[in-house]
Structures are given as structure tokens and as C-alpha cells.
C-alpha atoms as a PDB file:
ATOM      1  CA  MET A   1       0.000   0.000   0.000  1.00  0.00           C
ATOM      2  CA  THR A   2       1.434   3.381  -0.982  1.00  0.00           C
ATOM      3  CA  ILE A   3       1.080   6.472   1.194  1.00  0.00           C
ATOM      4  CA  ASP A   4      -1.385   8.202  -1.139  1.00  0.00           C
ATOM      5  CA  GLU A   5      -3.737   5.206  -0.779  1.00  0.00           C
ATOM      6  CA  TYR A   6      -4.294   6.179   2.863  1.00  0.00           C
ATOM      7  CA  PHE A   7      -6.212   9.256   1.700  1.00  0.00           C
ATOM      8  CA  SER A   8      -9.910   9.234   0.973  1.00  0.00           C
ATOM      9  CA  GLU A   9     -11.980  12.223  -0.039  1.00  0.00           C
ATOM     10  CA  ASP A  10     -14.621  11.294   2.533  1.00  0.00           C
ATOM     11  CA  LEU A  11     -11.972  11.619   5.266  1.00  0.00           C
ATOM     12  CA  ALA A  12     -11.406  15.338   4.795  1.00  0.00           C
ATOM     13  CA  ASP A  13     -13.534  17.544   7.049  1.00  0.00           C
ATOM     14  CA  ILE A  14     -13.809  21.142   8.114  1.00  0.00           C
ATOM     15  CA  ILE A  15     -15.351  21.128  11.573  1.00  0.00           C
ATOM     16  CA  GLU A  16     -16.171  23.353  14.499  1.00  0.00           C
ATOM     17  CA  VAL A  17     -15.751  21.844  17.931  1.00  0.00           C
ATOM     18  CA  GLU A  18     -16.992  23.603  21.063  1.00  0.00           C
ATOM     19  CA  GLY A  19     -15.801  21.194  23.750  1.00  0.00           C
ATOM     20  CA  GLY A  20     -12.105  20.842  22.953  1.00  0.00           C
ATOM     21  CA  GLN A  21     -10.134  17.662  22.476  1.00  0.00           C
ATOM     22  CA  ASP A  22     -12.691  15.204  23.902  1.00  0.00           C
ATOM     23  CA  GLU A  23     -15.447  16.430  21.583  1.00  0.00           C
ATOM     24  CA  PHE A  24     -13.001  16.425  18.677  1.00  0.00           C
ATOM     25  CA  PHE A  25     -11.898  12.829  19.349  1.00  0.00           C
ATOM     26  CA  SER A  26     -15.529  11.766  19.748  1.00  0.00           C
ATOM     27  CA  TYR A  27     -16.414  13.279  16.348  1.00  0.00           C
ATOM     28  CA  ILE A  28     -13.403  11.604  14.718  1.00  0.00           C
ATOM     29  CA  PHE A  29     -14.215   8.250  16.311  1.00  0.00           C
ATOM     30  CA  GLN A  30     -17.889   8.322  15.261  1.00  0.00           C
ATOM     31  CA  LYS A  31     -17.051   9.124  11.648  1.00  0.00           C
ATOM     32  CA  LEU A  32     -14.252   6.532  11.399  1.00  0.00           C
ATOM     33  CA  LYS A  33     -16.341   3.846  13.117  1.00  0.00           C
ATOM     34  CA  GLN A  34     -19.339   4.506  10.854  1.00  0.00           C
ATOM     35  CA  LYS A  35     -17.094   4.099   7.785  1.00  0.00           C
ATOM     36  CA  GLY A  36     -15.513   0.885   9.072  1.00  0.00           C
ATOM     37  CA  TYR A  37     -11.973   2.183   9.669  1.00  0.00           C
ATOM     38  CA  VAL A  38     -11.640   1.625  13.428  1.00  0.00           C
ATOM     39  CA  LYS A  39     -12.590  -0.763  16.201  1.00  0.00           C
ATOM     40  CA  GLU A  40     -14.660   0.171  19.263  1.00  0.00           C
ATOM     41  CA  SER A  41     -11.450   0.468  21.328  1.00  0.00           C
ATOM     42  CA  PHE A  42     -10.105   3.309  19.122  1.00  0.00           C
ATOM     43  CA  PHE A  43     -11.709   6.229  20.998  1.00  0.00           C
ATOM     44  CA  THR A  44     -10.303   5.351  24.431  1.00  0.00           C
ATOM     45  CA  ALA A  45      -6.932   4.342  22.995  1.00  0.00           C
ATOM     46  CA  LEU A  46      -6.642   7.622  21.070  1.00  0.00           C
ATOM     47  CA  LYS A  47      -7.428   9.742  24.150  1.00  0.00           C
ATOM     48  CA  GLU A  48      -5.044   7.771  26.371  1.00  0.00           C
ATOM     49  CA  ARG A  49      -2.170   7.935  23.885  1.00  0.00           C
ATOM     50  CA  GLU A  50      -2.632  11.671  23.387  1.00  0.00           C
ATOM     51  CA  LYS A  51      -2.426  12.213  27.169  1.00  0.00           C
ATOM     52  CA  GLU A  52       0.781  10.211  27.411  1.00  0.00           C
ATOM     53  CA  TYR A  53       2.382  11.291  24.119  1.00  0.00           C
ATOM     54  CA  PRO A  54       1.003  14.655  22.958  1.00  0.00           C
ATOM     55  CA  THR A  55       0.976  15.183  19.194  1.00  0.00           C
ATOM     56  CA  GLY A  56       0.646  18.966  18.813  1.00  0.00           C
ATOM     57  CA  LEU A  57       3.277  20.657  16.651  1.00  0.00           C
ATOM     58  CA  LYS A  58       3.932  24.340  16.331  1.00  0.00           C
ATOM     59  CA  THR A  59       5.134  24.808  12.760  1.00  0.00           C
ATOM     60  CA  HIS A  60       6.375  28.054  11.218  1.00  0.00           C
ATOM     61  CA  PHE A  61       2.941  28.464   9.647  1.00  0.00           C
ATOM     62  CA  MET A  62       0.286  27.059  12.011  1.00  0.00           C
ATOM     63  CA  GLY A  63      -0.362  24.599  14.807  1.00  0.00           C
ATOM     64  CA  VAL A  64      -1.027  21.034  13.664  1.00  0.00           C
ATOM     65  CA  ALA A  65      -1.607  17.731  15.450  1.00  0.00           C
ATOM     66  CA  ILE A  66      -1.076  14.142  14.359  1.00  0.00           C
ATOM     67  CA  PRO A  67      -3.075  12.022  16.811  1.00  0.00           C
ATOM     68  CA  HIS A  68      -2.775   8.275  16.346  1.00  0.00           C
ATOM     69  CA  THR A  69      -2.882   5.040  18.274  1.00  0.00           C
ATOM     70  CA  ASP A  70      -1.657   1.471  18.026  1.00  0.00           C
ATOM     71  CA  PRO A  71      -2.445  -0.816  15.038  1.00  0.00           C
ATOM     72  CA  GLN A  72      -4.683  -3.193  17.037  1.00  0.00           C
ATOM     73  CA  HIS A  73      -7.411  -0.493  17.128  1.00  0.00           C
ATOM     74  CA  ILE A  74      -7.458  -0.080  13.324  1.00  0.00           C
ATOM     75  CA  LYS A  75      -9.541  -2.093  10.835  1.00  0.00           C
ATOM     76  CA  LYS A  76      -8.160  -0.474   7.668  1.00  0.00           C
ATOM     77  CA  PRO A  77      -5.458   2.202   7.295  1.00  0.00           C
ATOM     78  CA  PHE A  78      -6.326   5.868   6.808  1.00  0.00           C
ATOM     79  CA  ILE A  79      -5.323   9.497   7.143  1.00  0.00           C
ATOM     80  CA  PHE A  80      -8.206  11.681   8.319  1.00  0.00           C
ATOM     81  CA  ILE A  81      -7.540  15.357   7.512  1.00  0.00           C
ATOM     82  CA  THR A  82      -9.474  17.909   9.556  1.00  0.00           C
ATOM     83  CA  LYS A  83      -9.375  21.675   9.472  1.00  0.00           C
ATOM     84  CA  LEU A  84     -10.693  23.239  12.655  1.00  0.00           C
ATOM     85  CA  LYS A  85     -12.783  26.400  12.292  1.00  0.00           C
ATOM     86  CA  LYS A  86     -11.725  27.309  15.826  1.00  0.00           C
ATOM     87  CA  PRO A  87      -8.361  26.017  17.062  1.00  0.00           C
ATOM     88  CA  ILE A  88      -8.195  23.355  19.772  1.00  0.00           C
ATOM     89  CA  ARG A  89      -5.431  23.109  22.349  1.00  0.00           C
ATOM     90  CA  PHE A  90      -3.148  20.080  22.108  1.00  0.00           C
ATOM     91  CA  GLY A  91      -0.082  19.293  24.160  1.00  0.00           C
ATOM     92  CA  GLN A  92       3.184  20.095  22.362  1.00  0.00           C
ATOM     93  CA  MET A  93       4.950  16.957  21.129  1.00  0.00           C
ATOM     94  CA  GLY A  94       7.895  16.132  23.371  1.00  0.00           C
ATOM     95  CA  SER A  95       6.765  18.491  26.148  1.00  0.00           C
ATOM     96  CA  VAL A  96       4.946  18.036  29.422  1.00  0.00           C
ATOM     97  CA  ASP A  97       3.336  21.420  29.853  1.00  0.00           C
ATOM     98  CA  GLU A  98       3.477  23.387  26.577  1.00  0.00           C
ATOM     99  CA  GLN A  99       0.276  23.785  24.560  1.00  0.00           C
ATOM    100  CA  VAL A 100      -0.301  24.386  20.843  1.00  0.00           C
ATOM    101  CA  GLU A 101      -3.333  26.013  19.233  1.00  0.00           C
ATOM    102  CA  VAL A 102      -4.110  23.450  16.519  1.00  0.00           C
ATOM    103  CA  HIS A 103      -5.773  24.488  13.242  1.00  0.00           C
ATOM    104  CA  TYR A 104      -5.250  21.225  11.335  1.00  0.00           C
ATOM    105  CA  SER A 105      -5.248  17.641  12.500  1.00  0.00           C
ATOM    106  CA  PHE A 106      -4.052  14.603  10.601  1.00  0.00           C
ATOM    107  CA  VAL A 107      -5.470  11.583  12.446  1.00  0.00           C
ATOM    108  CA  LEU A 108      -3.446   8.546  11.439  1.00  0.00           C
ATOM    109  CA  GLY A 109      -4.555   4.930  11.367  1.00  0.00           C
ATOM    110  CA  PHE A 110      -1.968   2.244  10.670  1.00  0.00           C
ATOM    111  CA  ASP A 111      -2.491  -1.462  10.578  1.00  0.00           C
ATOM    112  CA  LYS A 112       1.294  -2.033  10.537  1.00  0.00           C
ATOM    113  CA  GLY A 113       3.709  -0.192  12.813  1.00  0.00           C
ATOM    114  CA  GLU A 114       6.473   0.223  10.200  1.00  0.00           C
ATOM    115  CA  GLN A 115       4.202   2.414   8.024  1.00  0.00           C
ATOM    116  CA  GLN A 116       4.070   4.983  10.789  1.00  0.00           C
ATOM    117  CA  LEU A 117       7.659   6.223  10.508  1.00  0.00           C
ATOM    118  CA  VAL A 118       7.524   6.890   6.747  1.00  0.00           C
ATOM    119  CA  LEU A 119       4.204   8.666   7.047  1.00  0.00           C
ATOM    120  CA  LEU A 120       5.352  10.798   9.972  1.00  0.00           C
ATOM    121  CA  GLN A 121       8.501  11.792   8.069  1.00  0.00           C
ATOM    122  CA  ASN A 122       6.390  12.796   5.056  1.00  0.00           C
ATOM    123  CA  LEU A 123       4.012  14.799   7.234  1.00  0.00           C
ATOM    124  CA  MET A 124       6.906  16.637   8.902  1.00  0.00           C
ATOM    125  CA  ALA A 125       8.284  17.531   5.470  1.00  0.00           C
ATOM    126  CA  MET A 126       4.869  18.787   4.378  1.00  0.00           C
ATOM    127  CA  PHE A 127       4.484  20.870   7.568  1.00  0.00           C
ATOM    128  CA  SER A 128       7.698  22.727   6.695  1.00  0.00           C
ATOM    129  CA  ASP A 129       6.674  23.318   3.071  1.00  0.00           C
ATOM    130  CA  GLU A 130       5.653  26.981   3.000  1.00  0.00           C
ATOM    131  CA  GLU A 131       3.683  26.798  -0.241  1.00  0.00           C
ATOM    132  CA  ILE A 132       1.561  23.826   0.880  1.00  0.00           C
ATOM    133  CA  MET A 133       0.912  25.205   4.367  1.00  0.00           C
ATOM    134  CA  ASN A 134      -0.036  28.625   2.976  1.00  0.00           C
ATOM    135  CA  ARG A 135      -2.482  26.970   0.583  1.00  0.00           C
ATOM    136  CA  LEU A 136      -4.003  24.986   3.461  1.00  0.00           C
ATOM    137  CA  SER A 137      -4.362  28.142   5.565  1.00  0.00           C
ATOM    138  CA  GLU A 138      -6.521  29.761   2.884  1.00  0.00           C
ATOM    139  CA  ASP A 139     -10.282  29.408   2.756  1.00  0.00           C
ATOM    140  CA  VAL A 140     -10.329  25.987   1.071  1.00  0.00           C
ATOM    141  CA  SER A 141     -13.174  23.494   0.778  1.00  0.00           C
ATOM    142  CA  GLU A 142     -12.897  19.936   2.066  1.00  0.00           C
ATOM    143  CA  LYS A 143     -12.381  18.723  -1.497  1.00  0.00           C
ATOM    144  CA  GLU A 144      -9.598  21.279  -2.126  1.00  0.00           C
ATOM    145  CA  MET A 145      -7.935  20.473   1.202  1.00  0.00           C
ATOM    146  CA  TYR A 146      -7.927  16.766   0.335  1.00  0.00           C
ATOM    147  CA  ALA A 147      -6.554  17.465  -3.164  1.00  0.00           C
ATOM    148  CA  ILE A 148      -3.717  19.688  -1.870  1.00  0.00           C
ATOM    149  CA  VAL A 149      -2.497  17.093   0.633  1.00  0.00           C
ATOM    150  CA  LYS A 150      -2.877  14.086  -1.663  1.00  0.00           C
ATOM    151  CA  GLN A 151      -1.121  15.884  -4.531  1.00  0.00           C
ATOM    152  CA  TYR A 152       1.766  16.735  -2.184  1.00  0.00           C
ATOM    153  CA  TYR A 153       2.195  13.028  -1.428  1.00  0.00           C
ATOM    154  CA  ILE A 154       1.958  12.018  -5.084  1.00  0.00           C
ATOM    155  CA  ASP A 155       4.555  14.648  -6.082  1.00  0.00           C
ATOM    156  CA  LYS A 156       6.938  13.610  -3.280  1.00  0.00           C
ATOM    157  CA  GLY A 157       6.316   9.879  -3.761  1.00  0.00           C
END
């Protein structure tokens, strides 16, 4: 399976969350479960992993997060791209007490652990690509957001 096969147009959302991270994770879980991507255990596992290993990143352009959990909670691999109308606070990756205002989240689902490293490296490269991040920060539709990210992966593949 190639990286661009993780993307699906129906897993690109622009959402507004009032209740912070818990409400966000609940929304993500419901959508992924309904579409057959995750097991029932995904929601709790995602929240627990985020508490222990925060995934917020402050890039030069905007705050992003890459929440994920272990392969045993995944039915089929995916990357769920979400743009948040109002930022949500995430813990800064590698920190205990720093927070990041997150505007974009890339929720990752792997069914094999070795896929994770390649995908994370590609995401980090994309987060430092000024042109891509500027395009994502514009007023884009879900379809445009999906196309920008997928095209980045195809071009870099």
C-alpha cells in the first residue's frame, strides 16, 4: 500500500468543535467507526495515547496535530484530515506542559507499525513546506484540502 492510498476524499472535514479535544476525538471516532476504519477500542486508545504522548506541533505556519494510536485499534489504514474552524489546544509533542493552538489535524490509522515512521517523516516535510501550508491556511473546501495534501504526497512519492 502506498502512502497516497491512505487518503480518501470522505476523510477530509472542516469542523467546528466547542468542547475541545474530547469532543473532537468523539467526532473523529464516530465518523471513522461509521465508515468501518476503526474498532470500538479506538476512541479510548486515542485519548489515552494523546495524554501520554502529545501530538501537537507548532510549525512556522500554524499549529497542527497528528493524533494516532496502536495498530490493534485499526480495521483499515487511513489518514483523516481535519481543518478546525476554531483552534483546539493540544499538548506540544515532546513536552509536558506546553500547549499548541491546533488548526489542522491529521489523524493517522496504521495497521502495521512500520508504516508509521515513513508517514510521519512525510508529514513533517509537508508541515515545513511553505507553499503547501499557505495553501491549506486559505479558505479551502474539504475537497480542495484533500486534493492539496494528496497531490503533495503524489509529487513527493
